[in-house]
Amino acid sequence: MNKAIIGRKLGMTQLFSQDGKVIPVTVIEAGPCPIVQVKTLERDGYSAIKIGFDEVAEKTLNKPQAGQFKKAGVNAHKVLKEFRLEGAEQMQVGSVITCDTFNAGDKIDVSGTTKGHGFSGVIKRWNQHRLKETHGVGPVHREPGSMGAISNPSRVFKGKNLPGQWGHENVTVLNLEVVRVDKERNAILVKGAVPGPVKGIVTIRNSVKA
């Protein structure tokens, strides 16, 4: 059966293996995540579960959001996400998914929203070089440079690195490894870095390309 959970990135630290090697890990507060809805093939056309994370006061939600939790008999939560999992129809509304669903050594995929950098130039966004600081060059020291010839092709090719919005997009890192699971603290320690800022919401599920 597939596994999935919602968590919050707490930051990075390091562990030491038994042979003395340093293991960089990301600490994720994972769960507890109550099941708010179970979708079935007959009723909804596909199998999935909808789970919540980060309990909040009901007054902070609008009526449609609060109605979902009230129907399920579950306390209101800030985050609500849906996962298509094998065996989802056998799960029960109201049951809770905890971090010990995963075990040390499991291969997982972690998705999160990357840090937003706003509208950025080509140097910051694409790591391009700046032009020379000599006389006759300015005032275009940080501009993209030539767009192409005038006569042919008389246009800018698609995909050219130009200024624009950088960051704040959903990114998934594949085949990360669970190093340790701490059920008492609802924590999962994942080897390596995961996308997003500290306190950012991430989703964890078993790897699809392990």
N, C-alpha and C. Protein backbone atom coordinates (compact mmCIF):
# COMPACT_ATOMS: atom_id res chain seq x y z
N MET A 1 0.83 -1.20 0.00
CA MET A 1 0.00 0.00 0.00
C MET A 1 0.87 1.25 0.00
N ASN A 2 0.49 2.26 -0.80
CA ASN A 2 1.22 3.50 -0.84
C ASN A 2 1.04 4.27 0.47
N LYS A 3 2.00 5.15 0.77
CA LYS A 3 1.96 5.93 2.00
C LYS A 3 2.16 7.40 1.67
N ALA A 4 1.52 8.27 2.45
CA ALA A 4 1.67 9.71 2.25
C ALA A 4 1.34 10.43 3.55
N ILE A 5 1.93 11.62 3.72
CA ILE A 5 1.68 12.42 4.91
C ILE A 5 2.05 13.87 4.60
N ILE A 6 1.47 14.79 5.36
CA ILE A 6 1.79 16.21 5.23
C ILE A 6 2.67 16.61 6.41
N GLY A 7 3.61 17.53 6.16
CA GLY A 7 4.51 17.95 7.23
C GLY A 7 4.94 19.39 7.08
N ARG A 8 5.75 19.82 8.04
CA ARG A 8 6.30 21.17 8.04
C ARG A 8 7.82 21.09 8.18
N LYS A 9 8.52 21.75 7.30
CA LYS A 9 9.98 21.75 7.35
C LYS A 9 10.45 22.60 8.53
N LEU A 10 11.25 22.00 9.41
CA LEU A 10 11.74 22.70 10.60
C LEU A 10 13.17 23.20 10.44
N GLY A 11 13.92 22.66 9.50
CA GLY A 11 15.30 23.08 9.31
C GLY A 11 16.22 21.89 9.07
N MET A 12 17.52 22.17 9.02
CA MET A 12 18.50 21.12 8.76
C MET A 12 19.47 20.98 9.92
N THR A 13 19.98 19.77 10.07
CA THR A 13 20.99 19.47 11.07
C THR A 13 21.82 18.32 10.54
N GLN A 14 22.58 17.66 11.40
CA GLN A 14 23.40 16.55 10.94
C GLN A 14 23.42 15.45 11.99
N LEU A 15 23.55 14.22 11.51
CA LEU A 15 23.68 13.05 12.36
C LEU A 15 25.00 12.35 12.04
N PHE A 16 25.41 11.47 12.94
CA PHE A 16 26.62 10.69 12.72
C PHE A 16 26.24 9.21 12.64
N SER A 17 26.70 8.54 11.59
CA SER A 17 26.46 7.12 11.45
C SER A 17 27.37 6.34 12.39
N GLN A 18 27.16 5.04 12.47
CA GLN A 18 27.96 4.22 13.38
C GLN A 18 29.44 4.20 13.00
N ASP A 19 29.72 4.38 11.71
CA ASP A 19 31.13 4.41 11.30
C ASP A 19 31.71 5.81 11.33
N GLY A 20 30.99 6.79 11.89
CA GLY A 20 31.52 8.13 12.08
C GLY A 20 31.29 9.09 10.93
N LYS A 21 30.54 8.69 9.92
CA LYS A 21 30.28 9.58 8.79
C LYS A 21 29.17 10.57 9.14
N VAL A 22 29.31 11.80 8.63
CA VAL A 22 28.32 12.84 8.86
C VAL A 22 27.19 12.70 7.83
N ILE A 23 25.95 12.72 8.31
CA ILE A 23 24.78 12.62 7.44
C ILE A 23 23.98 13.91 7.57
N PRO A 24 23.94 14.75 6.54
CA PRO A 24 23.09 15.96 6.61
C PRO A 24 21.62 15.57 6.47
N VAL A 25 20.78 16.07 7.38
CA VAL A 25 19.37 15.68 7.37
C VAL A 25 18.49 16.92 7.49
N THR A 26 17.30 16.81 6.93
CA THR A 26 16.25 17.81 7.10
C THR A 26 15.22 17.27 8.07
N VAL A 27 14.88 18.08 9.08
CA VAL A 27 13.90 17.67 10.08
C VAL A 27 12.52 18.15 9.64
N ILE A 28 11.57 17.22 9.54
CA ILE A 28 10.21 17.54 9.10
C ILE A 28 9.24 17.10 10.19
N GLU A 29 8.41 18.05 10.64
CA GLU A 29 7.32 17.71 11.56
C GLU A 29 6.20 17.11 10.72
N ALA A 30 6.01 15.81 10.81
CA ALA A 30 5.07 15.09 9.95
C ALA A 30 3.88 14.60 10.75
N GLY A 31 2.70 15.15 10.43
CA GLY A 31 1.48 14.70 11.08
C GLY A 31 1.34 15.25 12.49
N PRO A 32 0.36 14.74 13.24
CA PRO A 32 -0.65 13.76 12.82
C PRO A 32 -1.64 14.34 11.82
N CYS A 33 -2.07 13.49 10.87
CA CYS A 33 -2.94 13.93 9.79
C CYS A 33 -4.22 13.07 9.78
N PRO A 34 -5.34 13.62 10.24
CA PRO A 34 -6.60 12.85 10.20
C PRO A 34 -7.16 12.76 8.78
N ILE A 35 -7.81 11.65 8.47
CA ILE A 35 -8.44 11.47 7.17
C ILE A 35 -9.81 12.16 7.20
N VAL A 36 -9.99 13.14 6.31
CA VAL A 36 -11.21 13.94 6.28
C VAL A 36 -12.22 13.37 5.28
N GLN A 37 -11.73 12.76 4.21
CA GLN A 37 -12.64 12.21 3.19
C GLN A 37 -11.97 11.05 2.49
N VAL A 38 -12.76 10.05 2.15
CA VAL A 38 -12.30 8.91 1.35
C VAL A 38 -13.09 8.92 0.05
N LYS A 39 -12.39 9.02 -1.08
CA LYS A 39 -13.05 9.02 -2.38
C LYS A 39 -12.96 7.62 -2.98
N THR A 40 -14.06 7.18 -3.57
CA THR A 40 -14.14 5.82 -4.11
C THR A 40 -14.31 5.87 -5.62
N LEU A 41 -14.00 4.75 -6.25
CA LEU A 41 -14.11 4.65 -7.70
C LEU A 41 -15.57 4.75 -8.16
N GLU A 42 -16.48 4.16 -7.40
CA GLU A 42 -17.89 4.18 -7.80
C GLU A 42 -18.49 5.57 -7.68
N ARG A 43 -18.20 6.28 -6.63
CA ARG A 43 -18.84 7.57 -6.38
C ARG A 43 -18.10 8.73 -7.04
N ASP A 44 -16.76 8.69 -7.02
CA ASP A 44 -15.99 9.84 -7.48
C ASP A 44 -15.19 9.59 -8.76
N GLY A 45 -15.13 8.33 -9.19
CA GLY A 45 -14.40 8.03 -10.42
C GLY A 45 -12.95 7.68 -10.21
N TYR A 46 -12.45 7.82 -8.98
CA TYR A 46 -11.07 7.45 -8.66
C TYR A 46 -10.95 7.27 -7.16
N SER A 47 -9.89 6.58 -6.75
CA SER A 47 -9.67 6.31 -5.33
C SER A 47 -8.66 7.31 -4.77
N ALA A 48 -8.99 7.92 -3.65
CA ALA A 48 -8.08 8.88 -3.03
C ALA A 48 -8.53 9.14 -1.60
N ILE A 49 -7.64 9.74 -0.82
CA ILE A 49 -7.98 10.20 0.52
C ILE A 49 -7.62 11.67 0.63
N LYS A 50 -8.36 12.38 1.47
CA LYS A 50 -8.09 13.79 1.75
C LYS A 50 -7.74 13.90 3.23
N ILE A 51 -6.56 14.44 3.53
CA ILE A 51 -6.09 14.51 4.91
C ILE A 51 -5.79 15.95 5.29
N GLY A 52 -5.86 16.22 6.59
CA GLY A 52 -5.61 17.55 7.10
C GLY A 52 -4.33 17.60 7.92
N PHE A 53 -3.83 18.83 8.12
CA PHE A 53 -2.61 19.02 8.91
C PHE A 53 -2.65 20.41 9.55
N ASP A 54 -2.10 20.53 10.74
CA ASP A 54 -1.97 21.79 11.47
C ASP A 54 -3.33 22.26 11.98
N GLU A 55 -3.73 21.75 13.13
CA GLU A 55 -5.04 22.06 13.70
C GLU A 55 -5.16 23.54 14.05
N VAL A 56 -6.32 24.13 13.68
CA VAL A 56 -6.59 25.55 13.93
C VAL A 56 -8.01 25.68 14.46
N ALA A 57 -8.36 26.90 14.88
CA ALA A 57 -9.73 27.18 15.32
C ALA A 57 -10.66 27.20 14.12
N GLU A 58 -11.87 26.71 14.31
CA GLU A 58 -12.82 26.63 13.21
C GLU A 58 -13.17 28.00 12.65
N LYS A 59 -13.12 29.03 13.48
CA LYS A 59 -13.50 30.37 13.03
C LYS A 59 -12.52 30.95 12.00
N THR A 60 -11.34 30.36 11.87
CA THR A 60 -10.37 30.85 10.90
C THR A 60 -10.66 30.35 9.48
N LEU A 61 -11.61 29.40 9.32
CA LEU A 61 -11.94 28.84 8.02
C LEU A 61 -13.25 29.42 7.51
N ASN A 62 -13.43 29.38 6.18
CA ASN A 62 -14.72 29.78 5.64
C ASN A 62 -15.71 28.61 5.76
N LYS A 63 -16.97 28.84 5.41
CA LYS A 63 -18.00 27.83 5.63
C LYS A 63 -17.77 26.55 4.82
N PRO A 64 -17.40 26.62 3.52
CA PRO A 64 -17.16 25.36 2.79
C PRO A 64 -16.02 24.54 3.38
N GLN A 65 -14.96 25.23 3.82
CA GLN A 65 -13.83 24.51 4.41
C GLN A 65 -14.24 23.87 5.74
N ALA A 66 -14.90 24.66 6.59
CA ALA A 66 -15.30 24.14 7.89
C ALA A 66 -16.32 23.01 7.74
N GLY A 67 -17.15 23.06 6.70
CA GLY A 67 -18.16 22.02 6.49
C GLY A 67 -17.57 20.66 6.23
N GLN A 68 -16.41 20.61 5.56
CA GLN A 68 -15.77 19.32 5.29
C GLN A 68 -15.34 18.65 6.59
N PHE A 69 -14.76 19.43 7.50
CA PHE A 69 -14.30 18.85 8.77
C PHE A 69 -15.49 18.48 9.65
N LYS A 70 -16.55 19.30 9.61
CA LYS A 70 -17.72 19.01 10.42
C LYS A 70 -18.39 17.72 9.96
N LYS A 71 -18.47 17.50 8.66
CA LYS A 71 -19.07 16.29 8.12
C LYS A 71 -18.28 15.05 8.51
N ALA A 72 -16.94 15.19 8.54
CA ALA A 72 -16.10 14.05 8.88
C ALA A 72 -15.98 13.83 10.39
N GLY A 73 -16.43 14.82 11.19
CA GLY A 73 -16.28 14.70 12.63
C GLY A 73 -14.85 14.88 13.09
N VAL A 74 -14.11 15.74 12.36
CA VAL A 74 -12.70 15.97 12.64
C VAL A 74 -12.50 17.44 12.98
N ASN A 75 -11.58 17.74 13.88
CA ASN A 75 -11.26 19.13 14.19
C ASN A 75 -10.73 19.86 12.96
N ALA A 76 -10.95 21.17 12.92
CA ALA A 76 -10.52 21.97 11.77
C ALA A 76 -9.00 21.99 11.67
N HIS A 77 -8.50 21.92 10.43
CA HIS A 77 -7.06 21.98 10.17
C HIS A 77 -6.78 23.01 9.08
N LYS A 78 -5.60 23.59 9.15
CA LYS A 78 -5.23 24.67 8.24
C LYS A 78 -4.95 24.16 6.83
N VAL A 79 -4.31 22.99 6.71
CA VAL A 79 -3.89 22.46 5.41
C VAL A 79 -4.76 21.24 5.09
N LEU A 80 -5.19 21.17 3.84
CA LEU A 80 -6.01 20.05 3.40
C LEU A 80 -5.50 19.61 2.02
N LYS A 81 -5.06 18.37 1.91
CA LYS A 81 -4.51 17.88 0.65
C LYS A 81 -5.06 16.48 0.33
N GLU A 82 -5.06 16.19 -0.97
CA GLU A 82 -5.60 14.92 -1.45
C GLU A 82 -4.48 14.07 -2.04
N PHE A 83 -4.53 12.77 -1.77
CA PHE A 83 -3.54 11.84 -2.28
C PHE A 83 -4.25 10.65 -2.92
N ARG A 84 -3.82 10.28 -4.12
CA ARG A 84 -4.32 9.07 -4.75
C ARG A 84 -3.41 7.91 -4.35
N LEU A 85 -3.93 7.05 -3.51
CA LEU A 85 -3.14 5.94 -2.97
C LEU A 85 -3.83 4.62 -3.27
N GLU A 86 -3.01 3.60 -3.44
CA GLU A 86 -3.56 2.25 -3.57
C GLU A 86 -4.14 1.82 -2.23
N GLY A 87 -5.32 1.24 -2.27
CA GLY A 87 -5.96 0.82 -1.03
C GLY A 87 -6.62 1.94 -0.27
N ALA A 88 -6.83 3.08 -0.93
CA ALA A 88 -7.44 4.23 -0.25
C ALA A 88 -8.86 3.92 0.21
N GLU A 89 -9.58 3.10 -0.56
CA GLU A 89 -10.99 2.83 -0.24
C GLU A 89 -11.13 2.01 1.03
N GLN A 90 -10.05 1.35 1.46
CA GLN A 90 -10.12 0.56 2.70
C GLN A 90 -9.88 1.43 3.94
N MET A 91 -9.47 2.66 3.76
CA MET A 91 -9.20 3.54 4.90
C MET A 91 -10.50 4.13 5.44
N GLN A 92 -10.47 4.54 6.70
CA GLN A 92 -11.65 5.03 7.37
C GLN A 92 -11.54 6.53 7.66
N VAL A 93 -12.64 7.26 7.44
CA VAL A 93 -12.68 8.68 7.78
C VAL A 93 -12.54 8.83 9.28
N GLY A 94 -11.69 9.74 9.71
CA GLY A 94 -11.44 9.97 11.13
C GLY A 94 -10.20 9.30 11.65
N SER A 95 -9.71 8.27 10.96
CA SER A 95 -8.46 7.65 11.40
C SER A 95 -7.29 8.59 11.14
N VAL A 96 -6.23 8.43 11.90
CA VAL A 96 -5.12 9.39 11.89
C VAL A 96 -3.87 8.74 11.31
N ILE A 97 -3.21 9.46 10.39
CA ILE A 97 -1.93 9.03 9.83
C ILE A 97 -0.81 9.71 10.60
N THR A 98 0.11 8.92 11.14
CA THR A 98 1.21 9.46 11.93
C THR A 98 2.54 9.20 11.24
N CYS A 99 3.59 9.80 11.78
CA CYS A 99 4.90 9.73 11.14
C CYS A 99 5.46 8.32 11.10
N ASP A 100 5.03 7.45 12.05
CA ASP A 100 5.57 6.09 12.07
C ASP A 100 5.00 5.23 10.95
N THR A 101 4.17 5.84 10.07
CA THR A 101 3.79 5.15 8.84
C THR A 101 5.02 4.85 8.00
N PHE A 102 6.02 5.74 8.10
CA PHE A 102 7.29 5.56 7.39
C PHE A 102 8.31 4.97 8.35
N ASN A 103 9.29 4.28 7.79
CA ASN A 103 10.35 3.65 8.57
C ASN A 103 11.71 4.10 8.05
N ALA A 104 12.71 4.00 8.90
CA ALA A 104 14.07 4.32 8.49
C ALA A 104 14.49 3.44 7.32
N GLY A 105 15.07 4.06 6.32
CA GLY A 105 15.48 3.33 5.12
C GLY A 105 14.50 3.44 3.97
N ASP A 106 13.27 3.95 4.22
CA ASP A 106 12.30 4.09 3.15
C ASP A 106 12.76 5.14 2.13
N LYS A 107 12.43 4.91 0.87
CA LYS A 107 12.68 5.89 -0.19
C LYS A 107 11.40 6.71 -0.39
N ILE A 108 11.55 8.03 -0.40
CA ILE A 108 10.39 8.91 -0.47
C ILE A 108 10.61 10.02 -1.49
N ASP A 109 9.49 10.63 -1.91
CA ASP A 109 9.50 11.84 -2.72
C ASP A 109 8.92 12.97 -1.87
N VAL A 110 9.60 14.10 -1.83
CA VAL A 110 9.16 15.24 -1.02
C VAL A 110 8.86 16.42 -1.94
N SER A 111 7.66 16.98 -1.79
CA SER A 111 7.24 18.13 -2.60
C SER A 111 7.03 19.33 -1.70
N GLY A 112 7.41 20.51 -2.20
CA GLY A 112 7.22 21.74 -1.45
C GLY A 112 7.30 22.94 -2.37
N THR A 113 6.92 24.10 -1.86
CA THR A 113 6.98 25.34 -2.61
C THR A 113 8.30 26.03 -2.31
N THR A 114 9.08 26.31 -3.35
CA THR A 114 10.41 26.90 -3.17
C THR A 114 10.31 28.35 -2.70
N LYS A 115 11.40 28.87 -2.22
CA LYS A 115 11.47 30.26 -1.78
C LYS A 115 11.20 31.19 -2.96
N GLY A 116 10.39 32.23 -2.73
CA GLY A 116 10.10 33.19 -3.77
C GLY A 116 11.12 34.33 -3.75
N HIS A 117 11.62 34.69 -4.94
CA HIS A 117 12.60 35.78 -5.06
C HIS A 117 12.05 36.97 -5.82
N GLY A 118 10.74 36.92 -6.16
CA GLY A 118 10.14 38.05 -6.87
C GLY A 118 10.64 38.17 -8.30
N PHE A 119 10.50 39.37 -8.87
CA PHE A 119 10.97 39.63 -10.24
C PHE A 119 12.49 39.84 -10.18
N SER A 120 13.23 38.97 -10.84
CA SER A 120 14.69 38.98 -10.75
C SER A 120 15.32 39.13 -12.13
N GLY A 121 16.49 39.73 -12.16
CA GLY A 121 17.24 39.90 -13.40
C GLY A 121 17.98 38.63 -13.78
N VAL A 122 18.65 38.67 -14.94
CA VAL A 122 19.29 37.47 -15.47
C VAL A 122 20.49 37.05 -14.63
N ILE A 123 21.14 37.98 -13.95
CA ILE A 123 22.31 37.61 -13.14
C ILE A 123 21.87 36.80 -11.92
N LYS A 124 20.84 37.25 -11.26
CA LYS A 124 20.35 36.54 -10.07
C LYS A 124 19.57 35.29 -10.45
N ARG A 125 18.78 35.39 -11.53
CA ARG A 125 17.88 34.29 -11.88
C ARG A 125 18.59 33.17 -12.62
N TRP A 126 19.51 33.51 -13.53
CA TRP A 126 20.14 32.51 -14.39
C TRP A 126 21.66 32.43 -14.20
N ASN A 127 22.20 33.19 -13.24
CA ASN A 127 23.63 33.14 -12.94
C ASN A 127 24.48 33.57 -14.13
N GLN A 128 23.99 34.54 -14.91
CA GLN A 128 24.78 35.04 -16.04
C GLN A 128 25.84 36.02 -15.55
N HIS A 129 26.86 36.22 -16.42
CA HIS A 129 27.92 37.17 -16.10
C HIS A 129 27.47 38.59 -16.40
N ARG A 130 28.02 39.54 -15.68
CA ARG A 130 27.76 40.95 -15.97
C ARG A 130 28.72 41.42 -17.05
N LEU A 131 28.38 42.52 -17.73
CA LEU A 131 29.25 43.08 -18.75
C LEU A 131 30.39 43.84 -18.10
N LYS A 132 31.37 44.23 -18.90
CA LYS A 132 32.54 44.92 -18.38
C LYS A 132 32.15 46.26 -17.76
N GLU A 133 32.96 46.68 -16.80
CA GLU A 133 32.72 47.95 -16.10
C GLU A 133 33.53 49.09 -16.71
N THR A 134 33.99 48.91 -17.95
CA THR A 134 34.84 49.92 -18.58
C THR A 134 34.00 51.01 -19.24
N HIS A 135 34.67 52.06 -19.72
CA HIS A 135 33.99 53.18 -20.38
C HIS A 135 33.35 52.70 -21.68
N GLY A 136 32.18 53.21 -21.98
CA GLY A 136 31.50 52.89 -23.21
C GLY A 136 30.57 51.71 -23.12
N VAL A 137 30.57 51.02 -21.99
CA VAL A 137 29.72 49.85 -21.86
C VAL A 137 28.37 50.22 -21.25
N GLY A 138 28.39 51.06 -20.23
CA GLY A 138 27.17 51.38 -19.49
C GLY A 138 26.17 52.16 -20.29
N PRO A 139 24.96 52.29 -19.76
CA PRO A 139 24.51 51.76 -18.45
C PRO A 139 23.79 50.43 -18.56
N VAL A 140 24.43 49.42 -19.12
CA VAL A 140 23.78 48.11 -19.33
C VAL A 140 24.62 46.99 -18.73
N HIS A 141 25.23 47.24 -17.57
CA HIS A 141 26.16 46.26 -17.00
C HIS A 141 25.46 44.97 -16.59
N ARG A 142 24.18 45.03 -16.19
CA ARG A 142 23.48 43.86 -15.68
C ARG A 142 22.34 43.43 -16.61
N GLU A 143 22.33 43.89 -17.84
CA GLU A 143 21.25 43.54 -18.76
C GLU A 143 21.55 42.23 -19.49
N PRO A 144 20.54 41.61 -20.13
CA PRO A 144 20.72 40.28 -20.73
C PRO A 144 21.72 40.22 -21.86
N GLY A 145 21.94 41.32 -22.57
CA GLY A 145 22.84 41.30 -23.72
C GLY A 145 22.06 41.15 -25.01
N SER A 146 22.73 40.65 -26.05
CA SER A 146 22.13 40.57 -27.37
C SER A 146 20.96 39.60 -27.39
N MET A 147 19.89 40.00 -28.12
CA MET A 147 18.71 39.15 -28.28
C MET A 147 18.80 38.31 -29.56
N GLY A 148 19.79 38.57 -30.43
CA GLY A 148 19.90 37.86 -31.70
C GLY A 148 20.04 38.84 -32.85
N ALA A 149 20.30 38.32 -34.05
CA ALA A 149 20.50 39.16 -35.23
C ALA A 149 19.20 39.84 -35.64
N ILE A 150 19.32 41.01 -36.31
CA ILE A 150 18.14 41.77 -36.72
C ILE A 150 17.47 41.12 -37.94
N SER A 151 18.26 40.81 -38.98
CA SER A 151 17.68 40.33 -40.23
C SER A 151 17.20 38.88 -40.14
N ASN A 152 17.96 38.06 -39.45
CA ASN A 152 17.62 36.65 -39.34
C ASN A 152 18.06 36.14 -37.96
N PRO A 153 17.17 35.69 -37.09
CA PRO A 153 15.78 35.28 -37.36
C PRO A 153 14.75 36.38 -37.11
N SER A 154 15.17 37.57 -36.80
CA SER A 154 14.25 38.70 -36.57
C SER A 154 13.27 38.44 -35.44
N ARG A 155 13.66 37.66 -34.49
CA ARG A 155 12.81 37.39 -33.33
C ARG A 155 13.67 36.83 -32.21
N VAL A 156 13.09 36.72 -31.04
CA VAL A 156 13.77 36.14 -29.88
C VAL A 156 13.31 34.69 -29.76
N PHE A 157 14.25 33.75 -29.70
CA PHE A 157 13.91 32.34 -29.60
C PHE A 157 13.20 32.04 -28.28
N LYS A 158 12.26 31.10 -28.33
CA LYS A 158 11.60 30.65 -27.11
C LYS A 158 12.61 29.99 -26.18
N GLY A 159 12.42 30.24 -24.90
CA GLY A 159 13.30 29.62 -23.91
C GLY A 159 14.53 30.43 -23.57
N LYS A 160 14.70 31.60 -24.18
CA LYS A 160 15.87 32.42 -23.87
C LYS A 160 15.80 32.89 -22.42
N ASN A 161 16.93 32.85 -21.74
CA ASN A 161 16.99 33.25 -20.34
C ASN A 161 16.83 34.77 -20.23
N LEU A 162 15.72 35.19 -19.64
CA LEU A 162 15.42 36.60 -19.51
C LEU A 162 14.96 36.90 -18.08
N PRO A 163 14.87 38.19 -17.71
CA PRO A 163 14.36 38.52 -16.38
C PRO A 163 12.92 38.04 -16.21
N GLY A 164 12.50 37.80 -14.98
CA GLY A 164 11.14 37.37 -14.72
C GLY A 164 10.97 36.86 -13.30
N GLN A 165 9.80 36.30 -13.05
CA GLN A 165 9.49 35.75 -11.73
C GLN A 165 10.38 34.54 -11.45
N TRP A 166 11.01 34.54 -10.27
CA TRP A 166 11.91 33.45 -9.90
C TRP A 166 11.47 32.87 -8.56
N GLY A 167 11.29 31.56 -8.54
CA GLY A 167 10.94 30.87 -7.30
C GLY A 167 9.44 30.81 -7.09
N HIS A 168 9.04 30.40 -5.89
CA HIS A 168 7.64 30.24 -5.49
C HIS A 168 6.92 29.32 -6.46
N GLU A 169 7.48 28.12 -6.67
CA GLU A 169 6.87 27.12 -7.53
C GLU A 169 7.00 25.76 -6.86
N ASN A 170 6.10 24.87 -7.21
CA ASN A 170 6.11 23.54 -6.59
C ASN A 170 7.22 22.68 -7.19
N VAL A 171 8.06 22.14 -6.33
CA VAL A 171 9.20 21.32 -6.74
C VAL A 171 9.17 20.01 -5.96
N THR A 172 9.45 18.92 -6.65
CA THR A 172 9.51 17.60 -6.02
C THR A 172 10.91 17.04 -6.14
N VAL A 173 11.48 16.62 -5.02
CA VAL A 173 12.79 15.97 -5.00
C VAL A 173 12.55 14.46 -4.83
N LEU A 174 13.09 13.68 -5.77
CA LEU A 174 12.81 12.25 -5.81
C LEU A 174 13.86 11.44 -5.06
N ASN A 175 13.43 10.28 -4.60
CA ASN A 175 14.32 9.24 -4.06
C ASN A 175 15.18 9.72 -2.89
N LEU A 176 14.58 10.47 -1.98
CA LEU A 176 15.27 10.79 -0.74
C LEU A 176 15.11 9.61 0.23
N GLU A 177 15.96 9.58 1.24
CA GLU A 177 15.96 8.45 2.18
C GLU A 177 15.59 8.91 3.57
N VAL A 178 14.70 8.15 4.22
CA VAL A 178 14.36 8.41 5.62
C VAL A 178 15.48 7.86 6.50
N VAL A 179 16.08 8.74 7.30
CA VAL A 179 17.18 8.33 8.17
C VAL A 179 16.67 7.90 9.54
N ARG A 180 15.70 8.64 10.05
CA ARG A 180 15.19 8.31 11.39
C ARG A 180 13.76 8.81 11.51
N VAL A 181 12.96 8.08 12.31
CA VAL A 181 11.58 8.47 12.60
C VAL A 181 11.42 8.58 14.11
N ASP A 182 10.99 9.76 14.58
CA ASP A 182 10.80 10.00 16.01
C ASP A 182 9.30 10.20 16.26
N LYS A 183 8.62 9.13 16.69
CA LYS A 183 7.18 9.19 16.86
C LYS A 183 6.78 10.14 17.99
N GLU A 184 7.58 10.21 19.07
CA GLU A 184 7.23 11.06 20.20
C GLU A 184 7.19 12.53 19.81
N ARG A 185 8.04 12.92 18.88
CA ARG A 185 8.09 14.33 18.45
C ARG A 185 7.44 14.55 17.08
N ASN A 186 6.80 13.52 16.55
CA ASN A 186 6.17 13.60 15.22
C ASN A 186 7.16 14.10 14.17
N ALA A 187 8.37 13.55 14.19
CA ALA A 187 9.43 14.04 13.32
C ALA A 187 9.96 12.94 12.41
N ILE A 188 10.23 13.33 11.18
CA ILE A 188 10.91 12.47 10.21
C ILE A 188 12.18 13.17 9.78
N LEU A 189 13.31 12.49 9.88
CA LEU A 189 14.60 13.03 9.47
C LEU A 189 14.95 12.45 8.11
N VAL A 190 15.09 13.33 7.13
CA VAL A 190 15.30 12.94 5.74
C VAL A 190 16.72 13.32 5.33
N LYS A 191 17.41 12.39 4.67
CA LYS A 191 18.77 12.66 4.22
C LYS A 191 18.78 13.68 3.09
N GLY A 192 19.56 14.75 3.26
CA GLY A 192 19.66 15.77 2.22
C GLY A 192 18.66 16.90 2.44
N ALA A 193 18.57 17.77 1.42
CA ALA A 193 17.73 18.96 1.50
C ALA A 193 16.40 18.72 0.81
N VAL A 194 15.38 19.42 1.27
CA VAL A 194 14.05 19.37 0.65
C VAL A 194 13.67 20.80 0.27
N PRO A 195 12.81 20.97 -0.74
CA PRO A 195 12.46 22.32 -1.18
C PRO A 195 11.64 23.08 -0.17
N GLY A 196 11.74 24.42 -0.22
CA GLY A 196 10.92 25.27 0.62
C GLY A 196 11.69 25.92 1.75
N PRO A 197 11.13 26.99 2.31
CA PRO A 197 11.76 27.67 3.44
C PRO A 197 11.47 26.96 4.75
N VAL A 198 12.12 27.39 5.82
CA VAL A 198 11.82 26.87 7.14
C VAL A 198 10.37 27.21 7.48
N LYS A 199 9.65 26.27 8.06
CA LYS A 199 8.23 26.35 8.39
C LYS A 199 7.33 26.21 7.16
N GLY A 200 7.91 25.89 6.01
CA GLY A 200 7.12 25.66 4.82
C GLY A 200 6.44 24.30 4.85
N ILE A 201 5.27 24.19 4.22
CA ILE A 201 4.51 22.95 4.18
C ILE A 201 5.07 22.06 3.07
N VAL A 202 5.28 20.78 3.39
CA VAL A 202 5.77 19.81 2.42
C VAL A 202 4.89 18.57 2.47
N THR A 203 4.88 17.82 1.40
CA THR A 203 4.17 16.55 1.36
C THR A 203 5.18 15.44 1.12
N ILE A 204 4.98 14.34 1.83
CA ILE A 204 5.88 13.19 1.74
C ILE A 204 5.06 11.99 1.28
N ARG A 205 5.56 11.28 0.30
CA ARG A 205 4.93 10.03 -0.12
C ARG A 205 6.03 9.05 -0.57
N ASN A 206 5.68 7.78 -0.59
CA ASN A 206 6.68 6.79 -0.97
C ASN A 206 7.12 7.02 -2.43
N SER A 207 8.37 6.72 -2.72
CA SER A 207 8.94 7.04 -4.02
C SER A 207 8.27 6.25 -5.13
N VAL A 208 8.06 6.93 -6.27
CA VAL A 208 7.44 6.28 -7.42
C VAL A 208 8.50 5.78 -8.41
N LYS A 209 9.76 6.16 -8.23
CA LYS A 209 10.81 5.75 -9.16
C LYS A 209 11.98 5.13 -8.41
N ALA A 210 11.73 4.54 -7.27
CA ALA A 210 12.81 3.96 -6.49
C ALA A 210 13.43 2.78 -7.24
